[in-house]
Amino acid sequence: MPEVLIFDGYIDEPGSLGVPPYIHPLPRAVFGAVRDAGGTPSYITVDQWRNGKKLPPSDLLVVLSGMSVPGRYLRGMPASRRELFQLIEGYRGETVLGGPAALDP
């Protein structure tokens, strides 16, 4: 049974549930897909990681982040490109990047 860590870097898209206190539908769908496939999902937000929470051990890291329309945020700032690189460089397993950040050149 693979252990899959879902890293919610927050996805901000018009017409969709975005930054906290809401959870975008994509992390919820990934969580369900991992369970349906017999894996063990776990979940952490970028804010928890920024506050020093360590990533739990996992076989696969699914990073979901990005914004399709740039804007100002009062709270719940999506993960920056620098933060995503820092996160991925420090991880030893397989990584999947999803959300608008996956399309960022």
N, C-alpha and C. Protein backbone atom coordinates (compact mmCIF):
# COMPACT_ATOMS: atom_id res chain seq x y z
N MET A 1 0.83 -1.18 0.00
CA MET A 1 0.00 0.00 0.00
C MET A 1 0.88 1.26 0.00
N PRO A 2 0.87 2.01 -1.07
CA PRO A 2 1.70 3.22 -1.10
C PRO A 2 1.13 4.31 -0.18
N GLU A 3 2.03 5.03 0.42
CA GLU A 3 1.65 6.19 1.22
C GLU A 3 1.81 7.42 0.35
N VAL A 4 0.75 8.21 0.24
CA VAL A 4 0.75 9.38 -0.64
C VAL A 4 0.49 10.62 0.20
N LEU A 5 1.41 11.57 0.11
CA LEU A 5 1.25 12.84 0.80
C LEU A 5 0.71 13.88 -0.17
N ILE A 6 -0.42 14.47 0.17
CA ILE A 6 -1.02 15.54 -0.63
C ILE A 6 -0.61 16.85 0.01
N PHE A 7 0.16 17.64 -0.72
CA PHE A 7 0.62 18.94 -0.25
C PHE A 7 -0.26 20.00 -0.88
N ASP A 8 -1.08 20.64 -0.07
CA ASP A 8 -2.00 21.67 -0.56
C ASP A 8 -1.31 23.02 -0.50
N GLY A 9 -0.77 23.44 -1.65
CA GLY A 9 -0.14 24.75 -1.76
C GLY A 9 -1.15 25.83 -2.09
N TYR A 10 -2.41 25.49 -2.06
CA TYR A 10 -3.56 26.33 -2.34
C TYR A 10 -3.67 26.63 -3.83
N ILE A 11 -4.83 26.36 -4.35
CA ILE A 11 -5.15 26.64 -5.74
C ILE A 11 -6.21 27.73 -5.74
N ASP A 12 -5.95 28.78 -6.49
CA ASP A 12 -6.91 29.86 -6.59
C ASP A 12 -7.36 29.98 -8.04
N GLU A 13 -8.58 29.57 -8.29
CA GLU A 13 -9.17 29.66 -9.62
C GLU A 13 -10.55 30.30 -9.49
N PRO A 14 -10.91 31.18 -10.42
CA PRO A 14 -12.25 31.78 -10.35
C PRO A 14 -13.34 30.70 -10.40
N GLY A 15 -14.36 30.88 -9.61
CA GLY A 15 -15.49 29.95 -9.61
C GLY A 15 -15.23 28.65 -8.89
N SER A 16 -14.18 28.60 -8.08
CA SER A 16 -13.84 27.36 -7.39
C SER A 16 -13.51 27.69 -5.94
N LEU A 17 -13.70 26.72 -5.07
CA LEU A 17 -13.29 26.93 -3.68
C LEU A 17 -11.78 27.05 -3.66
N GLY A 18 -11.27 28.07 -3.01
CA GLY A 18 -9.84 28.33 -3.06
C GLY A 18 -9.16 28.22 -1.73
N VAL A 19 -8.49 29.28 -1.33
CA VAL A 19 -7.65 29.29 -0.14
C VAL A 19 -8.47 29.13 1.13
N PRO A 20 -7.80 28.84 2.27
CA PRO A 20 -8.50 28.57 3.51
C PRO A 20 -9.50 29.66 3.85
N PRO A 21 -10.56 29.26 4.54
CA PRO A 21 -10.77 27.97 5.19
C PRO A 21 -11.35 26.90 4.29
N TYR A 22 -11.32 27.07 3.01
CA TYR A 22 -11.90 26.10 2.07
C TYR A 22 -10.83 25.20 1.49
N ILE A 23 -11.24 24.03 1.06
CA ILE A 23 -10.32 23.10 0.39
C ILE A 23 -10.79 22.99 -1.05
N HIS A 24 -9.91 23.27 -1.97
CA HIS A 24 -10.20 23.18 -3.40
C HIS A 24 -10.63 21.74 -3.74
N PRO A 25 -11.47 21.54 -4.74
CA PRO A 25 -11.91 20.18 -5.09
C PRO A 25 -10.78 19.24 -5.53
N LEU A 26 -9.69 19.77 -6.08
CA LEU A 26 -8.62 18.89 -6.58
C LEU A 26 -7.95 18.08 -5.46
N PRO A 27 -7.52 18.69 -4.34
CA PRO A 27 -6.96 17.86 -3.26
C PRO A 27 -7.97 16.84 -2.72
N ARG A 28 -9.22 17.22 -2.69
CA ARG A 28 -10.25 16.29 -2.22
C ARG A 28 -10.38 15.11 -3.18
N ALA A 29 -10.33 15.38 -4.48
CA ALA A 29 -10.42 14.31 -5.48
C ALA A 29 -9.21 13.39 -5.42
N VAL A 30 -8.02 13.96 -5.24
CA VAL A 30 -6.80 13.14 -5.14
C VAL A 30 -6.88 12.26 -3.90
N PHE A 31 -7.32 12.81 -2.78
CA PHE A 31 -7.46 12.04 -1.55
C PHE A 31 -8.36 10.82 -1.79
N GLY A 32 -9.51 11.05 -2.42
CA GLY A 32 -10.43 9.95 -2.71
C GLY A 32 -9.86 8.94 -3.68
N ALA A 33 -9.14 9.41 -4.69
CA ALA A 33 -8.54 8.50 -5.68
C ALA A 33 -7.48 7.61 -5.03
N VAL A 34 -6.69 8.20 -4.14
CA VAL A 34 -5.66 7.41 -3.44
C VAL A 34 -6.32 6.32 -2.60
N ARG A 35 -7.36 6.68 -1.87
CA ARG A 35 -8.07 5.69 -1.05
C ARG A 35 -8.70 4.61 -1.90
N ASP A 36 -9.34 5.00 -3.01
CA ASP A 36 -9.97 4.02 -3.90
C ASP A 36 -8.95 3.06 -4.50
N ALA A 37 -7.72 3.53 -4.70
CA ALA A 37 -6.66 2.70 -5.27
C ALA A 37 -5.96 1.84 -4.22
N GLY A 38 -6.39 1.95 -2.96
CA GLY A 38 -5.80 1.14 -1.90
C GLY A 38 -4.61 1.77 -1.22
N GLY A 39 -4.32 3.02 -1.54
CA GLY A 39 -3.21 3.72 -0.90
C GLY A 39 -3.63 4.38 0.39
N THR A 40 -2.66 4.92 1.08
CA THR A 40 -2.90 5.63 2.33
C THR A 40 -2.58 7.11 2.13
N PRO A 41 -3.62 7.96 2.04
CA PRO A 41 -3.36 9.38 1.83
C PRO A 41 -3.13 10.13 3.14
N SER A 42 -2.30 11.14 3.07
CA SER A 42 -2.18 12.10 4.17
C SER A 42 -2.16 13.49 3.54
N TYR A 43 -2.40 14.50 4.35
CA TYR A 43 -2.65 15.85 3.83
C TYR A 43 -1.93 16.87 4.70
N ILE A 44 -1.29 17.84 4.05
CA ILE A 44 -0.65 18.94 4.76
C ILE A 44 -0.82 20.19 3.90
N THR A 45 -0.99 21.33 4.56
CA THR A 45 -1.13 22.59 3.82
C THR A 45 0.20 23.33 3.80
N VAL A 46 0.32 24.27 2.88
CA VAL A 46 1.52 25.08 2.80
C VAL A 46 1.70 25.90 4.08
N ASP A 47 0.61 26.35 4.69
CA ASP A 47 0.74 27.12 5.92
C ASP A 47 1.29 26.26 7.07
N GLN A 48 0.87 25.00 7.15
CA GLN A 48 1.42 24.10 8.18
C GLN A 48 2.91 23.91 7.94
N TRP A 49 3.30 23.72 6.68
CA TRP A 49 4.71 23.54 6.32
C TRP A 49 5.51 24.80 6.62
N ARG A 50 4.95 25.97 6.30
CA ARG A 50 5.62 27.24 6.59
C ARG A 50 5.85 27.42 8.08
N ASN A 51 4.94 26.90 8.89
CA ASN A 51 5.05 27.01 10.35
C ASN A 51 5.93 25.93 10.96
N GLY A 52 6.62 25.15 10.13
CA GLY A 52 7.60 24.21 10.63
C GLY A 52 7.16 22.76 10.72
N LYS A 53 5.94 22.44 10.33
CA LYS A 53 5.51 21.04 10.38
C LYS A 53 6.31 20.24 9.35
N LYS A 54 6.85 19.14 9.79
CA LYS A 54 7.64 18.26 8.91
C LYS A 54 6.72 17.44 8.03
N LEU A 55 7.20 17.13 6.84
CA LEU A 55 6.44 16.26 5.94
C LEU A 55 6.48 14.84 6.48
N PRO A 56 5.32 14.19 6.59
CA PRO A 56 5.34 12.79 7.02
C PRO A 56 5.95 11.91 5.93
N PRO A 57 6.50 10.77 6.30
CA PRO A 57 7.09 9.88 5.30
C PRO A 57 6.03 9.43 4.29
N SER A 58 6.43 9.34 3.03
CA SER A 58 5.50 8.89 1.99
C SER A 58 6.28 8.38 0.80
N ASP A 59 5.60 7.60 -0.04
CA ASP A 59 6.20 7.07 -1.26
C ASP A 59 6.04 8.05 -2.42
N LEU A 60 5.00 8.87 -2.34
CA LEU A 60 4.66 9.80 -3.42
C LEU A 60 4.20 11.12 -2.82
N LEU A 61 4.70 12.21 -3.38
CA LEU A 61 4.29 13.55 -2.98
C LEU A 61 3.49 14.16 -4.12
N VAL A 62 2.24 14.53 -3.84
CA VAL A 62 1.40 15.20 -4.83
C VAL A 62 1.27 16.65 -4.38
N VAL A 63 1.85 17.56 -5.17
CA VAL A 63 1.85 18.98 -4.85
C VAL A 63 0.80 19.66 -5.72
N LEU A 64 -0.16 20.30 -5.09
CA LEU A 64 -1.25 20.98 -5.80
C LEU A 64 -1.21 22.46 -5.41
N SER A 65 -0.99 23.32 -6.41
CA SER A 65 -0.82 24.72 -6.09
C SER A 65 -0.99 25.58 -7.33
N GLY A 66 -1.11 26.87 -7.11
CA GLY A 66 -1.08 27.84 -8.19
C GLY A 66 -2.30 28.72 -8.26
N MET A 67 -2.15 29.78 -9.02
CA MET A 67 -3.26 30.69 -9.25
C MET A 67 -3.36 30.96 -10.73
N SER A 68 -4.58 30.93 -11.23
CA SER A 68 -4.77 31.18 -12.65
C SER A 68 -4.94 32.66 -12.95
N VAL A 69 -5.31 33.44 -11.93
CA VAL A 69 -5.44 34.88 -12.08
C VAL A 69 -4.66 35.54 -10.95
N PRO A 70 -3.59 36.29 -11.27
CA PRO A 70 -2.81 36.94 -10.20
C PRO A 70 -3.68 37.91 -9.41
N GLY A 71 -3.38 38.04 -8.13
CA GLY A 71 -4.15 38.95 -7.31
C GLY A 71 -3.49 39.18 -5.97
N ARG A 72 -4.13 40.00 -5.16
CA ARG A 72 -3.65 40.25 -3.80
C ARG A 72 -4.43 39.36 -2.84
N TYR A 73 -3.76 38.93 -1.79
CA TYR A 73 -4.37 38.03 -0.83
C TYR A 73 -4.30 38.64 0.56
N LEU A 74 -5.41 38.56 1.28
CA LEU A 74 -5.45 39.04 2.65
C LEU A 74 -4.93 37.98 3.61
N ARG A 75 -5.10 36.72 3.26
CA ARG A 75 -4.62 35.58 4.05
C ARG A 75 -4.58 34.37 3.13
N GLY A 76 -3.99 33.32 3.57
CA GLY A 76 -3.95 32.10 2.78
C GLY A 76 -3.22 32.25 1.46
N MET A 77 -2.02 32.79 1.48
CA MET A 77 -1.24 33.02 0.26
C MET A 77 -0.82 31.68 -0.36
N PRO A 78 -1.11 31.48 -1.65
CA PRO A 78 -0.66 30.25 -2.31
C PRO A 78 0.87 30.12 -2.26
N ALA A 79 1.35 28.89 -2.36
CA ALA A 79 2.79 28.62 -2.35
C ALA A 79 3.46 29.35 -3.51
N SER A 80 4.61 29.93 -3.23
CA SER A 80 5.38 30.62 -4.27
C SER A 80 6.20 29.60 -5.06
N ARG A 81 6.68 30.02 -6.20
CA ARG A 81 7.54 29.16 -7.02
C ARG A 81 8.78 28.75 -6.22
N ARG A 82 9.37 29.71 -5.48
CA ARG A 82 10.55 29.41 -4.66
C ARG A 82 10.23 28.35 -3.61
N GLU A 83 9.08 28.47 -2.96
CA GLU A 83 8.69 27.48 -1.95
C GLU A 83 8.48 26.11 -2.57
N LEU A 84 7.87 26.06 -3.75
CA LEU A 84 7.66 24.77 -4.41
C LEU A 84 8.98 24.10 -4.75
N PHE A 85 9.94 24.87 -5.27
CA PHE A 85 11.26 24.30 -5.56
C PHE A 85 11.93 23.80 -4.29
N GLN A 86 11.84 24.58 -3.22
CA GLN A 86 12.43 24.18 -1.94
C GLN A 86 11.81 22.88 -1.43
N LEU A 87 10.51 22.78 -1.51
CA LEU A 87 9.79 21.58 -1.07
C LEU A 87 10.21 20.36 -1.87
N ILE A 88 10.19 20.49 -3.19
CA ILE A 88 10.47 19.36 -4.07
C ILE A 88 11.93 18.93 -3.98
N GLU A 89 12.86 19.89 -3.86
CA GLU A 89 14.28 19.54 -3.74
C GLU A 89 14.57 18.75 -2.48
N GLY A 90 13.81 19.00 -1.41
CA GLY A 90 14.06 18.31 -0.15
C GLY A 90 13.36 16.97 -0.02
N TYR A 91 12.60 16.58 -1.03
CA TYR A 91 11.84 15.33 -0.97
C TYR A 91 12.58 14.23 -1.71
N ARG A 92 12.59 13.03 -1.16
CA ARG A 92 13.38 11.92 -1.72
C ARG A 92 12.59 10.96 -2.60
N GLY A 93 11.28 11.02 -2.59
CA GLY A 93 10.47 10.09 -3.39
C GLY A 93 10.02 10.69 -4.70
N GLU A 94 9.04 10.04 -5.30
CA GLU A 94 8.45 10.53 -6.55
C GLU A 94 7.55 11.74 -6.23
N THR A 95 7.50 12.68 -7.18
CA THR A 95 6.70 13.89 -7.00
C THR A 95 5.83 14.13 -8.21
N VAL A 96 4.58 14.54 -7.96
CA VAL A 96 3.65 14.94 -9.01
C VAL A 96 3.23 16.37 -8.71
N LEU A 97 3.29 17.25 -9.72
CA LEU A 97 2.88 18.63 -9.55
C LEU A 97 1.60 18.86 -10.32
N GLY A 98 0.58 19.39 -9.64
CA GLY A 98 -0.71 19.64 -10.29
C GLY A 98 -1.25 21.01 -9.95
N GLY A 99 -2.31 21.39 -10.65
CA GLY A 99 -2.89 22.71 -10.48
C GLY A 99 -2.22 23.69 -11.44
N PRO A 100 -2.60 24.96 -11.37
CA PRO A 100 -2.02 25.96 -12.26
C PRO A 100 -0.50 26.06 -12.18
N ALA A 101 0.10 25.72 -11.05
CA ALA A 101 1.56 25.78 -10.92
C ALA A 101 2.25 24.83 -11.90
N ALA A 102 1.57 23.76 -12.29
CA ALA A 102 2.17 22.81 -13.24
C ALA A 102 2.33 23.42 -14.62
N LEU A 103 1.58 24.47 -14.91
CA LEU A 103 1.65 25.13 -16.22
C LEU A 103 2.54 26.35 -16.21
N ASP A 104 3.10 26.70 -15.04
CA ASP A 104 3.95 27.88 -14.91
C ASP A 104 5.30 27.60 -15.56
N PRO A 105 5.70 28.43 -16.52
CA PRO A 105 6.98 28.15 -17.22
C PRO A 105 8.19 28.32 -16.35
